[in-house]
Amino acid sequence: THEDRVIQAGLNPRYTFDNFVVGGSNQFCDAACQAVSDRPARVYNPLFLMGGVGLGKTHLLHAVGNQLLRNNPHLRVTYVTSEQFMNELIHSLRTKDTNAFRTKYREQCDVLLMDDIQFIAGKDSTQEEFFHTFNALYHSDRQIVVTSDVYPQQIAEMEERLISRFQSGMVADIQPPELDTRIAILKKKAEAEKIHLTDDVALFIAQVVKSNVRELEGTLLRIAVKAELLGRGIDLELAKEALRAALPAPEQALSVEDVQRAVCTYFNLKLGDLKSK
């Protein structure tokens, strides 16, 4: 069944294009993903999705996989995080069974969806394996979609040959949602969770929580839980009370690592080069 294929591919069936709220901040990224779903390996290959934490990269990645399997049930789709990919590689090296690992990703895969590609930076054997996997898939006209929290050239300690391949396709970025989109996200979440959300409360939450979609939805759910525990509806007064406790603590003082990352990003350097003699 379709559900079985989705589970086998490692996908979350709840992440679809239908429940992804589109606004100016993510419109291009959404359109690029839809195009890949309609014509895999014919447009935007590879597709590199870039955006900060909680902005919807993973949602779109799963949406691509779900839509592809709906359009073509026989397509072999594989969703994997870079950490899973690395752990599977390490296991195959320990058990001396790298052939099975390579067969899975290079021969039994029509579409590779990899989340958080930045985490393989600095891990030489994983980068080497992914490089050859990428080439095998790309040269046999199979689709590759990866996500990252920074642009390809800003990933410290990532091999130049991989950066070059990421840049050879389409790089699409997601920006933090603007106010109208944040309100739409809240209303969509409220509808899905059967929460009664008035316009004034939605506007208030959207004006206060600007960081990302995940924090926005989490704040709404926390307010809903508080309302239920108190046995009252969600009004502006309750939202203000709840937000005082629900908002994340202010960011801590900058660390040396934060400064190093900022310098590397600004000057387009690798962290290893910055620290070298």
C-alpha atoms as a PDB file:
ATOM      1  CA  THR A   1       0.000   0.000   0.000  1.00  0.00           C
ATOM      2  CA  HIS A   2       0.957   3.659  -0.240  1.00  0.00           C
ATOM      3  CA  GLU A   3       1.303   3.846   3.562  1.00  0.00           C
ATOM      4  CA  ASP A   4       3.717   0.903   3.560  1.00  0.00           C
ATOM      5  CA  ARG A   5       5.858   2.505   0.847  1.00  0.00           C
ATOM      6  CA  VAL A   6       5.973   5.783   2.789  1.00  0.00           C
ATOM      7  CA  ILE A   7       7.122   4.001   5.965  1.00  0.00           C
ATOM      8  CA  GLN A   8       9.675   1.925   4.043  1.00  0.00           C
ATOM      9  CA  ALA A   9      11.113   5.120   2.543  1.00  0.00           C
ATOM     10  CA  GLY A  10      11.576   6.554   6.051  1.00  0.00           C
ATOM     11  CA  LEU A  11       9.045   9.339   5.433  1.00  0.00           C
ATOM     12  CA  ASN A  12       6.585  11.040   7.780  1.00  0.00           C
ATOM     13  CA  PRO A  13       3.132  10.879   6.114  1.00  0.00           C
ATOM     14  CA  ARG A  14       1.992  14.029   7.971  1.00  0.00           C
ATOM     15  CA  TYR A  15       4.463  16.250   6.120  1.00  0.00           C
ATOM     16  CA  THR A  16       2.797  17.080   2.800  1.00  0.00           C
ATOM     17  CA  PHE A  17       2.528  20.073   0.485  1.00  0.00           C
ATOM     18  CA  ASP A  18      -1.161  20.412   1.438  1.00  0.00           C
ATOM     19  CA  ASN A  19      -0.378  21.314   5.045  1.00  0.00           C
ATOM     20  CA  PHE A  20       2.692  23.450   4.301  1.00  0.00           C
ATOM     21  CA  VAL A  21       1.803  27.139   4.669  1.00  0.00           C
ATOM     22  CA  VAL A  22       3.299  29.106   1.777  1.00  0.00           C
ATOM     23  CA  GLY A  23       4.267  32.785   2.054  1.00  0.00           C
ATOM     24  CA  GLY A  24       6.773  35.170   0.567  1.00  0.00           C
ATOM     25  CA  SER A  25       9.552  33.776   2.756  1.00  0.00           C
ATOM     26  CA  ASN A  26       9.302  30.206   1.415  1.00  0.00           C
ATOM     27  CA  GLN A  27       7.426  30.525  -1.886  1.00  0.00           C
ATOM     28  CA  PHE A  28      10.419  29.841  -4.125  1.00  0.00           C
ATOM     29  CA  CYS A  29      11.572  26.871  -2.039  1.00  0.00           C
ATOM     30  CA  ASP A  30       8.066  25.372  -2.132  1.00  0.00           C
ATOM     31  CA  ALA A  31       7.837  25.867  -5.922  1.00  0.00           C
ATOM     32  CA  ALA A  32      11.255  24.212  -6.455  1.00  0.00           C
ATOM     33  CA  CYS A  33      10.197  21.203  -4.359  1.00  0.00           C
ATOM     34  CA  GLN A  34       6.889  20.904  -6.223  1.00  0.00           C
ATOM     35  CA  ALA A  35       8.775  20.986  -9.545  1.00  0.00           C
ATOM     36  CA  VAL A  36      11.100  18.176  -8.393  1.00  0.00           C
ATOM     37  CA  SER A  37       8.063  16.141  -7.283  1.00  0.00           C
ATOM     38  CA  ASP A  38       6.513  16.523 -10.739  1.00  0.00           C
ATOM     39  CA  ARG A  39       9.693  15.910 -12.743  1.00  0.00           C
ATOM     40  CA  PRO A  40      12.362  14.121 -10.671  1.00  0.00           C
ATOM     41  CA  ALA A  41      15.914  14.391 -12.085  1.00  0.00           C
ATOM     42  CA  ARG A  42      14.611  16.584 -14.918  1.00  0.00           C
ATOM     43  CA  VAL A  43      14.733  19.939 -13.110  1.00  0.00           C
ATOM     44  CA  TYR A  44      16.840  21.163 -10.196  1.00  0.00           C
ATOM     45  CA  ASN A  45      19.166  18.223  -9.652  1.00  0.00           C
ATOM     46  CA  PRO A  46      20.590  18.390  -7.087  1.00  0.00           C
ATOM     47  CA  LEU A  47      18.172  20.564  -5.110  1.00  0.00           C
ATOM     48  CA  PHE A  48      19.801  22.177  -2.069  1.00  0.00           C
ATOM     49  CA  LEU A  49      17.352  23.543   0.536  1.00  0.00           C
ATOM     50  CA  MET A  50      18.855  26.074   2.937  1.00  0.00           C
ATOM     51  CA  GLY A  51      17.266  27.659   5.981  1.00  0.00           C
ATOM     52  CA  GLY A  52      17.542  28.169   9.716  1.00  0.00           C
ATOM     53  CA  VAL A  53      16.225  25.842  12.394  1.00  0.00           C
ATOM     54  CA  GLY A  54      12.474  25.229  12.422  1.00  0.00           C
ATOM     55  CA  LEU A  55      11.632  26.990   9.141  1.00  0.00           C
ATOM     56  CA  GLY A  56      10.251  23.948   7.294  1.00  0.00           C
ATOM     57  CA  LYS A  57      13.165  22.344   5.418  1.00  0.00           C
ATOM     58  CA  THR A  58      12.431  18.874   6.788  1.00  0.00           C
ATOM     59  CA  HIS A  59       8.697  19.312   6.120  1.00  0.00           C
ATOM     60  CA  LEU A  60       9.408  20.103   2.460  1.00  0.00           C
ATOM     61  CA  LEU A  61      11.890  17.237   2.153  1.00  0.00           C
ATOM     62  CA  HIS A  62       9.267  14.749   3.371  1.00  0.00           C
ATOM     63  CA  ALA A  63       6.609  16.427   1.205  1.00  0.00           C
ATOM     64  CA  VAL A  64       8.753  15.785  -1.881  1.00  0.00           C
ATOM     65  CA  GLY A  65       9.059  12.105  -0.976  1.00  0.00           C
ATOM     66  CA  ASN A  66       5.358  11.704  -0.180  1.00  0.00           C
ATOM     67  CA  GLN A  67       4.307  13.402  -3.421  1.00  0.00           C
ATOM     68  CA  LEU A  68       6.762  11.362  -5.514  1.00  0.00           C
ATOM     69  CA  LEU A  69       5.418   8.088  -4.105  1.00  0.00           C
ATOM     70  CA  ARG A  70       1.859   9.259  -4.700  1.00  0.00           C
ATOM     71  CA  ASN A  71       2.662  10.102  -8.336  1.00  0.00           C
ATOM     72  CA  ASN A  72       4.827   7.031  -8.953  1.00  0.00           C
ATOM     73  CA  PRO A  73       4.344   4.142  -6.485  1.00  0.00           C
ATOM     74  CA  HIS A  74       7.223   2.157  -8.005  1.00  0.00           C
ATOM     75  CA  LEU A  75       9.829   4.861  -7.371  1.00  0.00           C
ATOM     76  CA  ARG A  76      12.457   3.869  -4.801  1.00  0.00           C
ATOM     77  CA  VAL A  77      12.614   6.846  -2.431  1.00  0.00           C
ATOM     78  CA  THR A  78      15.018   6.994   0.532  1.00  0.00           C
ATOM     79  CA  TYR A  79      14.871   9.629   3.262  1.00  0.00           C
ATOM     80  CA  VAL A  80      17.834   9.701   5.621  1.00  0.00           C
ATOM     81  CA  THR A  81      19.493  12.169   7.961  1.00  0.00           C
ATOM     82  CA  SER A  82      23.219  12.721   7.478  1.00  0.00           C
ATOM     83  CA  GLU A  83      23.736  11.240  10.951  1.00  0.00           C
ATOM     84  CA  GLN A  84      21.885   8.036   9.969  1.00  0.00           C
ATOM     85  CA  PHE A  85      23.912   7.853   6.753  1.00  0.00           C
ATOM     86  CA  MET A  86      27.154   8.175   8.738  1.00  0.00           C
ATOM     87  CA  ASN A  87      26.082   5.600  11.359  1.00  0.00           C
ATOM     88  CA  GLU A  88      25.102   3.098   8.664  1.00  0.00           C
ATOM     89  CA  LEU A  89      28.469   3.617   6.973  1.00  0.00           C
ATOM     90  CA  ILE A  90      30.347   3.061  10.262  1.00  0.00           C
ATOM     91  CA  HIS A  91      28.330  -0.095  10.921  1.00  0.00           C
ATOM     92  CA  SER A  92      29.076  -1.418   7.418  1.00  0.00           C
ATOM     93  CA  LEU A  93      32.796  -0.789   7.923  1.00  0.00           C
ATOM     94  CA  ARG A  94      32.764  -2.582  11.277  1.00  0.00           C
ATOM     95  CA  THR A  95      30.900  -5.575   9.879  1.00  0.00           C
ATOM     96  CA  LYS A  96      32.943  -5.512   6.633  1.00  0.00           C
ATOM     97  CA  ASP A  97      29.711  -5.246   4.626  1.00  0.00           C
ATOM     98  CA  THR A  98      30.190  -2.025   2.665  1.00  0.00           C
ATOM     99  CA  ASN A  99      28.774  -3.648  -0.466  1.00  0.00           C
ATOM    100  CA  ALA A 100      25.284  -3.829   1.081  1.00  0.00           C
ATOM    101  CA  PHE A 101      25.544  -0.180   2.140  1.00  0.00           C
ATOM    102  CA  ARG A 102      26.615   0.933  -1.333  1.00  0.00           C
ATOM    103  CA  THR A 103      23.977  -1.183  -3.037  1.00  0.00           C
ATOM    104  CA  LYS A 104      21.262   0.405  -0.892  1.00  0.00           C
ATOM    105  CA  TYR A 105      22.236   4.002  -1.691  1.00  0.00           C
ATOM    106  CA  ARG A 106      23.713   3.715  -5.179  1.00  0.00           C
ATOM    107  CA  GLU A 107      21.697   0.990  -6.878  1.00  0.00           C
ATOM    108  CA  GLN A 108      18.421   0.548  -4.995  1.00  0.00           C
ATOM    109  CA  CYS A 109      17.616   4.257  -4.738  1.00  0.00           C
ATOM    110  CA  ASP A 110      15.894   6.447  -7.350  1.00  0.00           C
ATOM    111  CA  VAL A 111      15.511   9.507  -5.114  1.00  0.00           C
ATOM    112  CA  LEU A 112      17.817  10.356  -2.198  1.00  0.00           C
ATOM    113  CA  LEU A 113      16.499  12.859   0.348  1.00  0.00           C
ATOM    114  CA  MET A 114      19.182  13.748   2.909  1.00  0.00           C
ATOM    115  CA  ASP A 115      18.524  16.023   5.878  1.00  0.00           C
ATOM    116  CA  ASP A 116      21.151  18.251   7.565  1.00  0.00           C
ATOM    117  CA  ILE A 117      24.000  17.611   5.140  1.00  0.00           C
ATOM    118  CA  GLN A 118      26.173  20.067   7.127  1.00  0.00           C
ATOM    119  CA  PHE A 119      26.753  17.409   9.792  1.00  0.00           C
ATOM    120  CA  ILE A 120      29.024  15.340   7.529  1.00  0.00           C
ATOM    121  CA  ALA A 121      31.468  18.277   7.343  1.00  0.00           C
ATOM    122  CA  GLY A 122      34.846  17.356   8.794  1.00  0.00           C
ATOM    123  CA  LYS A 123      34.060  13.620   8.646  1.00  0.00           C
ATOM    124  CA  ASP A 124      36.358  12.494   5.860  1.00  0.00           C
ATOM    125  CA  SER A 125      35.187   8.902   5.296  1.00  0.00           C
ATOM    126  CA  THR A 126      31.503   9.943   5.287  1.00  0.00           C
ATOM    127  CA  GLN A 127      32.187  12.774   2.838  1.00  0.00           C
ATOM    128  CA  GLU A 128      34.124  10.378   0.620  1.00  0.00           C
ATOM    129  CA  GLU A 129      31.268   7.868   0.618  1.00  0.00           C
ATOM    130  CA  PHE A 130      28.631  10.529   0.007  1.00  0.00           C
ATOM    131  CA  PHE A 131      30.705  11.962  -2.857  1.00  0.00           C
ATOM    132  CA  HIS A 132      30.699   8.616  -4.678  1.00  0.00           C
ATOM    133  CA  THR A 133      27.026   8.037  -3.842  1.00  0.00           C
ATOM    134  CA  PHE A 134      26.195  11.478  -5.238  1.00  0.00           C
ATOM    135  CA  ASN A 135      28.095  10.774  -8.459  1.00  0.00           C
ATOM    136  CA  ALA A 136      26.496   7.355  -8.917  1.00  0.00           C
ATOM    137  CA  LEU A 137      22.981   8.775  -8.538  1.00  0.00           C
ATOM    138  CA  TYR A 138      23.572  11.959 -10.517  1.00  0.00           C
ATOM    139  CA  HIS A 139      25.168  10.270 -13.508  1.00  0.00           C
ATOM    140  CA  SER A 140      22.328   7.742 -13.733  1.00  0.00           C
ATOM    141  CA  ASP A 141      19.704  10.544 -13.736  1.00  0.00           C
ATOM    142  CA  ARG A 142      18.366  10.005 -10.238  1.00  0.00           C
ATOM    143  CA  GLN A 143      17.169  12.845  -8.019  1.00  0.00           C
ATOM    144  CA  ILE A 144      19.108  14.184  -5.027  1.00  0.00           C
ATOM    145  CA  VAL A 145      17.648  16.661  -2.507  1.00  0.00           C
ATOM    146  CA  VAL A 146      19.604  17.790   0.554  1.00  0.00           C
ATOM    147  CA  THR A 147      18.985  20.322   3.325  1.00  0.00           C
ATOM    148  CA  SER A 148      21.388  22.479   5.302  1.00  0.00           C
ATOM    149  CA  ASP A 149      21.221  25.336   7.789  1.00  0.00           C
ATOM    150  CA  VAL A 150      23.734  27.382   5.748  1.00  0.00           C
ATOM    151  CA  TYR A 151      24.642  27.864   2.073  1.00  0.00           C
ATOM    152  CA  PRO A 152      26.992  25.248   0.532  1.00  0.00           C
ATOM    153  CA  GLN A 153      30.015  27.565   0.476  1.00  0.00           C
ATOM    154  CA  GLN A 154      29.463  28.424   4.151  1.00  0.00           C
ATOM    155  CA  ILE A 155      29.691  24.847   5.468  1.00  0.00           C
ATOM    156  CA  ALA A 156      32.976  24.816   7.355  1.00  0.00           C
ATOM    157  CA  GLU A 157      35.208  21.783   6.688  1.00  0.00           C
ATOM    158  CA  MET A 158      33.121  20.545   3.763  1.00  0.00           C
ATOM    159  CA  GLU A 159      35.173  19.287   0.804  1.00  0.00           C
ATOM    160  CA  GLU A 160      35.335  21.671  -2.154  1.00  0.00           C
ATOM    161  CA  ARG A 161      34.295  18.946  -4.601  1.00  0.00           C
ATOM    162  CA  LEU A 162      31.031  18.435  -2.668  1.00  0.00           C
ATOM    163  CA  ILE A 163      30.379  22.169  -2.393  1.00  0.00           C
ATOM    164  CA  SER A 164      30.895  22.413  -6.150  1.00  0.00           C
ATOM    165  CA  ARG A 165      28.329  19.668  -6.790  1.00  0.00           C
ATOM    166  CA  PHE A 166      25.749  21.270  -4.514  1.00  0.00           C
ATOM    167  CA  GLN A 167      26.183  24.584  -6.304  1.00  0.00           C
ATOM    168  CA  SER A 168      25.827  22.929  -9.720  1.00  0.00           C
ATOM    169  CA  GLY A 169      22.105  22.440  -9.119  1.00  0.00           C
ATOM    170  CA  MET A 170      19.505  24.715  -7.542  1.00  0.00           C
ATOM    171  CA  VAL A 171      20.085  26.347  -4.154  1.00  0.00           C
ATOM    172  CA  ALA A 172      16.775  27.506  -2.644  1.00  0.00           C
ATOM    173  CA  ASP A 173      16.586  29.259   0.701  1.00  0.00           C
ATOM    174  CA  ILE A 174      13.792  29.633   3.257  1.00  0.00           C
ATOM    175  CA  GLN A 175      13.662  32.851   5.242  1.00  0.00           C
ATOM    176  CA  PRO A 176      11.858  33.363   8.579  1.00  0.00           C
ATOM    177  CA  PRO A 177       8.119  33.818   7.925  1.00  0.00           C
ATOM    178  CA  GLU A 178       6.698  37.329   7.770  1.00  0.00           C
ATOM    179  CA  LEU A 179       3.774  38.366  10.006  1.00  0.00           C
ATOM    180  CA  ASP A 180       0.966  37.336   7.620  1.00  0.00           C
ATOM    181  CA  THR A 181       2.518  33.911   7.121  1.00  0.00           C
ATOM    182  CA  ARG A 182       3.011  33.454  10.876  1.00  0.00           C
ATOM    183  CA  ILE A 183      -0.695  34.166  11.431  1.00  0.00           C
ATOM    184  CA  ALA A 184      -1.641  31.697   8.659  1.00  0.00           C
ATOM    185  CA  ILE A 185       0.627  29.042  10.219  1.00  0.00           C
ATOM    186  CA  LEU A 186      -1.026  29.508  13.611  1.00  0.00           C
ATOM    187  CA  LYS A 187      -4.517  29.236  12.128  1.00  0.00           C
ATOM    188  CA  LYS A 188      -3.572  26.126  10.155  1.00  0.00           C
ATOM    189  CA  LYS A 189      -2.144  24.503  13.297  1.00  0.00           C
ATOM    190  CA  ALA A 190      -5.179  25.508  15.356  1.00  0.00           C
ATOM    191  CA  GLU A 191      -7.480  23.976  12.747  1.00  0.00           C
ATOM    192  CA  ALA A 192      -5.480  20.737  12.690  1.00  0.00           C
ATOM    193  CA  GLU A 193      -5.466  20.498  16.496  1.00  0.00           C
ATOM    194  CA  LYS A 194      -9.121  21.656  16.838  1.00  0.00           C
ATOM    195  CA  ILE A 195      -8.086  24.696  18.910  1.00  0.00           C
ATOM    196  CA  HIS A 196     -10.418  27.709  18.928  1.00  0.00           C
ATOM    197  CA  LEU A 197      -8.109  30.600  18.042  1.00  0.00           C
ATOM    198  CA  THR A 198      -9.429  34.138  17.672  1.00  0.00           C
ATOM    199  CA  ASP A 199      -7.862  36.663  15.299  1.00  0.00           C
ATOM    200  CA  ASP A 200      -6.616  38.943  18.092  1.00  0.00           C
ATOM    201  CA  VAL A 201      -4.826  36.087  19.887  1.00  0.00           C
ATOM    202  CA  ALA A 202      -3.309  34.816  16.615  1.00  0.00           C
ATOM    203  CA  LEU A 203      -2.030  38.322  15.843  1.00  0.00           C
ATOM    204  CA  PHE A 204      -0.565  38.719  19.346  1.00  0.00           C
ATOM    205  CA  ILE A 205       1.312  35.393  19.243  1.00  0.00           C
ATOM    206  CA  ALA A 206       2.573  36.092  15.701  1.00  0.00           C
ATOM    207  CA  GLN A 207       3.864  39.515  16.751  1.00  0.00           C
ATOM    208  CA  VAL A 208       5.746  38.108  19.750  1.00  0.00           C
ATOM    209  CA  VAL A 209       7.137  34.828  18.353  1.00  0.00           C
ATOM    210  CA  LYS A 210       9.205  35.620  15.253  1.00  0.00           C
ATOM    211  CA  SER A 211      12.007  33.058  15.403  1.00  0.00           C
ATOM    212  CA  ASN A 212      10.671  30.029  13.517  1.00  0.00           C
ATOM    213  CA  VAL A 213       7.657  27.883  12.687  1.00  0.00           C
ATOM    214  CA  ARG A 214       8.462  25.220  15.275  1.00  0.00           C
ATOM    215  CA  GLU A 215       8.545  27.737  18.127  1.00  0.00           C
ATOM    216  CA  LEU A 216       5.379  29.369  16.803  1.00  0.00           C
ATOM    217  CA  GLU A 217       3.420  26.105  16.781  1.00  0.00           C
ATOM    218  CA  GLY A 218       4.905  25.002  20.099  1.00  0.00           C
ATOM    219  CA  THR A 219       3.812  28.261  21.739  1.00  0.00           C
ATOM    220  CA  LEU A 220       0.242  27.802  20.504  1.00  0.00           C
ATOM    221  CA  LEU A 221       0.101  24.252  21.871  1.00  0.00           C
ATOM    222  CA  ARG A 222       1.465  25.353  25.265  1.00  0.00           C
ATOM    223  CA  ILE A 223      -1.189  28.066  25.516  1.00  0.00           C
ATOM    224  CA  ALA A 224      -3.890  25.544  24.536  1.00  0.00           C
ATOM    225  CA  VAL A 225      -2.710  23.119  27.250  1.00  0.00           C
ATOM    226  CA  LYS A 226      -2.769  25.883  29.857  1.00  0.00           C
ATOM    227  CA  ALA A 227      -6.290  26.911  28.798  1.00  0.00           C
ATOM    228  CA  GLU A 228      -7.485  23.317  29.069  1.00  0.00           C
ATOM    229  CA  LEU A 229      -5.931  22.877  32.533  1.00  0.00           C
ATOM    230  CA  LEU A 230      -7.581  26.092  33.718  1.00  0.00           C
ATOM    231  CA  GLY A 231     -10.883  25.165  32.087  1.00  0.00           C
ATOM    232  CA  ARG A 232     -11.179  28.402  30.116  1.00  0.00           C
ATOM    233  CA  GLY A 233     -11.006  29.578  26.524  1.00  0.00           C
ATOM    234  CA  ILE A 234      -7.933  31.054  24.868  1.00  0.00           C
ATOM    235  CA  ASP A 235      -8.231  34.820  25.146  1.00  0.00           C
ATOM    236  CA  LEU A 236      -5.707  37.649  24.908  1.00  0.00           C
ATOM    237  CA  GLU A 237      -5.185  37.817  28.679  1.00  0.00           C
ATOM    238  CA  LEU A 238      -4.378  34.093  28.913  1.00  0.00           C
ATOM    239  CA  ALA A 239      -2.063  34.300  25.900  1.00  0.00           C
ATOM    240  CA  LYS A 240      -0.114  37.142  27.527  1.00  0.00           C
ATOM    241  CA  GLU A 241       0.155  35.230  30.804  1.00  0.00           C
ATOM    242  CA  ALA A 242       1.269  32.039  29.082  1.00  0.00           C
ATOM    243  CA  LEU A 243       3.808  33.740  26.851  1.00  0.00           C
ATOM    244  CA  ARG A 244       5.659  35.222  29.789  1.00  0.00           C
ATOM    245  CA  ALA A 245       6.561  31.690  30.858  1.00  0.00           C
ATOM    246  CA  ALA A 246       6.560  30.014  27.450  1.00  0.00           C
ATOM    247  CA  LEU A 247       9.013  32.210  25.580  1.00  0.00           C
ATOM    248  CA  PRO A 248      12.587  30.896  25.375  1.00  0.00           C
ATOM    249  CA  ALA A 249      15.167  32.469  27.669  1.00  0.00           C
ATOM    250  CA  PRO A 250      17.314  35.244  26.173  1.00  0.00           C
ATOM    251  CA  GLU A 251      20.349  33.992  24.290  1.00  0.00           C
ATOM    252  CA  GLN A 252      23.498  33.470  26.347  1.00  0.00           C
ATOM    253  CA  ALA A 253      26.685  35.424  25.789  1.00  0.00           C
ATOM    254  CA  LEU A 254      28.555  34.611  22.582  1.00  0.00           C
ATOM    255  CA  SER A 255      31.109  31.821  22.712  1.00  0.00           C
ATOM    256  CA  VAL A 256      34.449  31.621  20.885  1.00  0.00           C
ATOM    257  CA  GLU A 257      32.863  29.044  18.553  1.00  0.00           C
ATOM    258  CA  ASP A 258      30.065  31.492  17.671  1.00  0.00           C
ATOM    259  CA  VAL A 259      32.628  34.141  16.722  1.00  0.00           C
ATOM    260  CA  GLN A 260      34.638  31.632  14.666  1.00  0.00           C
ATOM    261  CA  ARG A 261      31.538  30.517  12.756  1.00  0.00           C
ATOM    262  CA  ALA A 262      30.552  34.128  12.049  1.00  0.00           C
ATOM    263  CA  VAL A 263      34.036  34.968  10.750  1.00  0.00           C
ATOM    264  CA  CYS A 264      34.111  31.839   8.549  1.00  0.00           C
ATOM    265  CA  THR A 265      30.698  32.695   7.109  1.00  0.00           C
ATOM    266  CA  TYR A 266      31.581  36.332   6.403  1.00  0.00           C
ATOM    267  CA  PHE A 267      34.957  35.661   4.784  1.00  0.00           C
ATOM    268  CA  ASN A 268      33.913  32.355   3.142  1.00  0.00           C
ATOM    269  CA  LEU A 269      36.571  30.389   5.030  1.00  0.00           C
ATOM    270  CA  LYS A 270      36.780  26.845   6.308  1.00  0.00           C
ATOM    271  CA  LEU A 271      37.057  26.488  10.086  1.00  0.00           C
ATOM    272  CA  GLY A 272      40.171  24.327   9.653  1.00  0.00           C
ATOM    273  CA  ASP A 273      41.856  27.067   7.610  1.00  0.00           C
ATOM    274  CA  LEU A 274      40.954  29.706  10.191  1.00  0.00           C
ATOM    275  CA  LYS A 275      42.561  27.670  12.966  1.00  0.00           C
ATOM    276  CA  SER A 276      45.623  26.657  10.941  1.00  0.00           C
ATOM    277  CA  LYS A 277      49.057  28.241  11.150  1.00  0.00           C
END
